C-alpha atoms as a PDB file:
ATOM      1  CA  UNK A   1       1.888  -2.321   0.094  1.00  0.00           C
ATOM      2  CA  UNK A   2      -1.894  -1.939  -0.057  1.00  0.00           C
ATOM      3  CA  UNK A   3      -4.706  -0.087   1.686  1.00  0.00           C
ATOM      4  CA  UNK A   4      -8.206  -1.176   2.609  1.00  0.00           C
ATOM      5  CA  UNK A   5     -11.415   0.844   2.332  1.00  0.00           C
ATOM      6  CA  UNK A   6     -10.819   2.281   5.831  1.00  0.00           C
ATOM      7  CA  UNK A   7      -7.365   3.570   4.942  1.00  0.00           C
ATOM      8  CA  UNK A   8      -5.454   0.924   6.922  1.00  0.00           C
ATOM      9  CA  UNK A   9      -2.102   0.022   5.390  1.00  0.00           C
ATOM     10  CA  UNK A  10      -0.889  -3.535   4.714  1.00  0.00           C
ATOM     11  CA  UNK A  11       2.781  -4.260   4.214  1.00  0.00           C
ATOM     12  CA  UNK A  12       4.375  -7.412   2.839  1.00  0.00           C
ATOM     13  CA  UNK A  13       7.916  -7.937   4.083  1.00  0.00           C
ATOM     14  CA  UNK A  14      10.807 -10.106   2.954  1.00  0.00           C
ATOM     15  CA  UNK A  15      10.950 -11.909   6.316  1.00  0.00           C
ATOM     16  CA  UNK A  16       7.756 -13.860   5.583  1.00  0.00           C
ATOM     17  CA  UNK A  17       5.231 -11.594   7.319  1.00  0.00           C
ATOM     18  CA  UNK A  18       2.320  -9.378   6.405  1.00  0.00           C
ATOM     19  CA  UNK A  19       1.711  -6.406   8.702  1.00  0.00           C
ATOM     20  CA  UNK A  20      -1.299  -4.123   9.174  1.00  0.00           C
ATOM     21  CA  UNK A  21      -1.141  -0.515  10.387  1.00  0.00           C
ATOM     22  CA  UNK A  22      -3.976   1.870  11.254  1.00  0.00           C
ATOM     23  CA  UNK A  23      -4.131   4.900   8.989  1.00  0.00           C
ATOM     24  CA  UNK A  24      -1.648   7.490  10.269  1.00  0.00           C
ATOM     25  CA  UNK A  25      -0.188   5.257  13.010  1.00  0.00           C
ATOM     26  CA  UNK A  26       3.340   3.883  12.762  1.00  0.00           C
ATOM     27  CA  UNK A  27       2.862   0.742  14.868  1.00  0.00           C
ATOM     28  CA  UNK A  28       1.753  -2.712  13.775  1.00  0.00           C
ATOM     29  CA  UNK A  29      -1.801  -3.652  14.809  1.00  0.00           C
ATOM     30  CA  UNK A  30      -1.828  -7.108  13.185  1.00  0.00           C
ATOM     31  CA  UNK A  31       1.148  -9.247  12.199  1.00  0.00           C
ATOM     32  CA  UNK A  32       0.910 -12.687  10.566  1.00  0.00           C
ATOM     33  CA  UNK A  33       3.604 -15.120   9.553  1.00  0.00           C
ATOM     34  CA  UNK A  34       2.882 -16.272   6.018  1.00  0.00           C
ATOM     35  CA  UNK A  35       5.923 -18.371   5.184  1.00  0.00           C
ATOM     36  CA  UNK A  36       9.504 -19.047   6.216  1.00  0.00           C
ATOM     37  CA  UNK A  37      10.565 -17.406   2.960  1.00  0.00           C
ATOM     38  CA  UNK A  38       9.655 -13.967   1.664  1.00  0.00           C
ATOM     39  CA  UNK A  39       6.341 -12.285   0.899  1.00  0.00           C
ATOM     40  CA  UNK A  40       6.351 -10.317  -2.344  1.00  0.00           C
ATOM     41  CA  UNK A  41       2.888  -8.786  -2.606  1.00  0.00           C
ATOM     42  CA  UNK A  42      -0.304  -7.980  -0.730  1.00  0.00           C
ATOM     43  CA  UNK A  43      -3.705  -6.619  -1.726  1.00  0.00           C
ATOM     44  CA  UNK A  44      -7.089  -6.162  -0.029  1.00  0.00           C
ATOM     45  CA  UNK A  45     -10.542  -6.481  -1.585  1.00  0.00           C
ATOM     46  CA  UNK A  46     -13.738  -4.585  -0.712  1.00  0.00           C
ATOM     47  CA  UNK A  47     -14.702  -7.279   1.848  1.00  0.00           C
ATOM     48  CA  UNK A  48     -11.412  -6.722   3.739  1.00  0.00           C
ATOM     49  CA  UNK A  49     -10.110 -10.091   2.548  1.00  0.00           C
ATOM     50  CA  UNK A  50      -6.313  -9.903   2.433  1.00  0.00           C
ATOM     51  CA  UNK A  51      -4.459 -11.741  -0.360  1.00  0.00           C
ATOM     52  CA  UNK A  52      -0.732 -12.380  -0.066  1.00  0.00           C
ATOM     53  CA  UNK A  53       1.620 -13.756  -2.707  1.00  0.00           C
ATOM     54  CA  UNK A  54       4.721 -15.463  -1.352  1.00  0.00           C
ATOM     55  CA  UNK A  55       7.639 -17.729  -2.188  1.00  0.00           C
ATOM     56  CA  UNK A  56       6.626 -21.322  -1.436  1.00  0.00           C
ATOM     57  CA  UNK A  57      10.139 -22.528  -0.616  1.00  0.00           C
ATOM     58  CA  UNK A  58      13.125 -24.056  -2.370  1.00  0.00           C
ATOM     59  CA  UNK A  59      11.258 -24.564  -5.644  1.00  0.00           C
ATOM     60  CA  UNK A  60      10.981 -20.793  -5.987  1.00  0.00           C
ATOM     61  CA  UNK A  61       7.345 -21.082  -7.028  1.00  0.00           C
ATOM     62  CA  UNK A  62       4.825 -18.690  -5.591  1.00  0.00           C
ATOM     63  CA  UNK A  63       1.524 -19.283  -3.890  1.00  0.00           C
ATOM     64  CA  UNK A  64      -1.354 -17.048  -2.842  1.00  0.00           C
ATOM     65  CA  UNK A  65      -2.814 -17.078   0.669  1.00  0.00           C
ATOM     66  CA  UNK A  66      -6.159 -15.529   1.588  1.00  0.00           C
ATOM     67  CA  UNK A  67      -7.009 -14.111   5.006  1.00  0.00           C
ATOM     68  CA  UNK A  68     -10.811 -13.882   4.841  1.00  0.00           C
ATOM     69  CA  UNK A  69     -12.062 -10.813   6.684  1.00  0.00           C
ATOM     70  CA  UNK A  70      -8.573  -9.537   7.501  1.00  0.00           C
ATOM     71  CA  UNK A  71      -5.500 -10.489   9.500  1.00  0.00           C
ATOM     72  CA  UNK A  72      -7.177 -10.905  12.898  1.00  0.00           C
ATOM     73  CA  UNK A  73      -6.499 -14.455  14.052  1.00  0.00           C
ATOM     74  CA  UNK A  74      -4.018 -15.080  11.219  1.00  0.00           C
ATOM     75  CA  UNK A  75      -6.276 -17.729   9.653  1.00  0.00           C
ATOM     76  CA  UNK A  76      -5.055 -18.259   6.122  1.00  0.00           C
ATOM     77  CA  UNK A  77      -6.272 -20.407   3.284  1.00  0.00           C
ATOM     78  CA  UNK A  78      -3.722 -21.297   0.625  1.00  0.00           C
ATOM     79  CA  UNK A  79      -5.423 -20.940  -2.746  1.00  0.00           C
ATOM     80  CA  UNK A  80      -5.050 -23.719  -5.300  1.00  0.00           C
ATOM     81  CA  UNK A  81      -2.728 -21.900  -7.660  1.00  0.00           C
ATOM     82  CA  UNK A  82       0.984 -22.150  -8.220  1.00  0.00           C
ATOM     83  CA  UNK A  83       2.913 -19.262  -9.719  1.00  0.00           C
ATOM     84  CA  UNK A  84       6.085 -19.759 -11.695  1.00  0.00           C
ATOM     85  CA  UNK A  85       7.182 -16.233 -10.805  1.00  0.00           C
ATOM     86  CA  UNK A  86       5.611 -14.447  -7.865  1.00  0.00           C
ATOM     87  CA  UNK A  87       5.485 -10.684  -7.612  1.00  0.00           C
ATOM     88  CA  UNK A  88       3.073  -7.954  -6.715  1.00  0.00           C
ATOM     89  CA  UNK A  89      -0.675  -8.223  -7.232  1.00  0.00           C
ATOM     90  CA  UNK A  90      -3.760  -6.036  -7.458  1.00  0.00           C
ATOM     91  CA  UNK A  91      -7.531  -6.405  -7.271  1.00  0.00           C
ATOM     92  CA  UNK A  92      -9.705  -5.257 -10.178  1.00  0.00           C
ATOM     93  CA  UNK A  93     -11.947  -2.773  -8.367  1.00  0.00           C
ATOM     94  CA  UNK A  94     -14.288  -2.171 -11.318  1.00  0.00           C
ATOM     95  CA  UNK A  95     -16.293  -5.292 -10.438  1.00  0.00           C
ATOM     96  CA  UNK A  96     -18.206  -4.997 -13.682  1.00  0.00           C
ATOM     97  CA  UNK A  97     -18.822  -8.740 -13.969  1.00  0.00           C
ATOM     98  CA  UNK A  98     -18.314  -8.588 -17.731  1.00  0.00           C
ATOM     99  CA  UNK A  99     -15.745 -10.712 -19.454  1.00  0.00           C
ATOM    100  CA  UNK A 100     -13.610  -9.096 -22.089  1.00  0.00           C
ATOM    101  CA  UNK A 101     -12.223 -10.800 -25.174  1.00  0.00           C
ATOM    102  CA  UNK A 102      -8.705 -10.208 -26.308  1.00  0.00           C
END
């Protein structure tokens, strides 16, 4: 689950969908099918871009889809990454632009 800067709630479900709810309202206002498998994580950045991590099928590998500007229209772009193990995700909201060495 994630929230955007307006307080709207985004829910990833195990039926392959991501759902959006208005703050304080218990009905879906946007609903997009991501995959025929399950969705394991969702996050939203400061531009209202929604990122969803999901199971890409029988291989069990995960992928990340981006809904630029939100779920309206359900227009997704599958990002060019493949995850061995998918799970939840988060956006770094510090936006400092500095790289850190480890």
